[in-house]
Amino acid sequence: MLRVFCGPSGGYGNELGVVRDGSGLREWSERQAFAAKVGFSETVFVDDPSGV
């Protein structure tokens, strides 16, 4: 989890979920269900962490 879009003092902002092994959830519907379950305003799925 990361905090993004924060103010200068680190306040406010949104939580961003990062799934480092996104390849484990291949189907769009699985990803949508997971994102809804964790409840962050944004969720990113990294399919190939070696390319980052």
Protein backbone atom coordinates (compact mmCIF):
# COMPACT_ATOMS: atom_id res chain seq x y z
CA MET A 1 0.00 0.00 0.00
CA LEU A 2 1.23 3.45 -0.93
CA ARG A 3 -0.20 6.83 -0.08
CA VAL A 4 -0.49 9.07 -3.16
CA PHE A 5 -1.70 12.57 -4.00
CA CYS A 6 -0.70 13.82 -0.55
CA GLY A 7 -0.32 17.40 0.54
CA PRO A 8 3.12 18.91 1.22
CA SER A 9 3.05 17.72 4.84
CA GLY A 10 1.97 14.18 3.87
CA GLY A 11 -1.64 14.66 4.87
CA TYR A 12 -4.74 13.84 2.88
CA GLY A 13 -4.20 11.75 -0.24
CA ASN A 14 -5.43 8.32 -1.25
CA GLU A 15 -4.29 4.79 -0.57
CA LEU A 16 -3.01 2.93 -3.62
CA GLY A 17 -2.82 -0.86 -3.54
CA VAL A 18 0.02 -2.51 -5.46
CA VAL A 19 -0.23 -6.24 -6.21
CA ARG A 20 3.37 -7.23 -6.92
CA ASP A 21 2.44 -10.63 -8.36
CA GLY A 22 -0.46 -9.59 -10.54
CA SER A 23 0.01 -12.57 -12.82
CA GLY A 24 -1.67 -14.66 -10.11
CA LEU A 25 -4.93 -12.90 -10.96
CA ARG A 26 -5.12 -13.11 -14.75
CA GLU A 27 -8.80 -12.56 -15.41
CA TRP A 28 -10.19 -9.03 -15.37
CA SER A 29 -13.09 -10.19 -13.18
CA GLU A 30 -10.66 -11.64 -10.60
CA ARG A 31 -8.78 -8.36 -10.47
CA GLN A 32 -11.99 -6.36 -10.11
CA ALA A 33 -13.15 -8.61 -7.27
CA PHE A 34 -9.80 -8.31 -5.49
CA ALA A 35 -9.72 -4.52 -5.88
CA ALA A 36 -13.25 -4.26 -4.49
CA LYS A 37 -12.31 -6.48 -1.54
CA VAL A 38 -9.28 -4.42 -0.48
CA GLY A 39 -11.20 -1.17 -0.99
CA PHE A 40 -8.41 1.19 -2.02
CA SER A 41 -9.33 4.05 -4.34
CA GLU A 42 -6.84 2.65 -6.87
CA THR A 43 -5.21 -0.76 -7.30
CA VAL A 44 -2.32 -1.61 -9.65
CA PHE A 45 -1.40 -5.15 -10.76
CA VAL A 46 2.23 -5.75 -11.77
CA ASP A 47 2.31 -8.69 -14.16
CA ASP A 48 6.08 -8.87 -14.67
CA PRO A 49 8.09 -7.43 -11.77
CA SER A 50 11.39 -8.22 -13.49
CA GLY A 51 10.63 -5.53 -16.08
CA VAL A 52 10.24 -2.80 -13.46
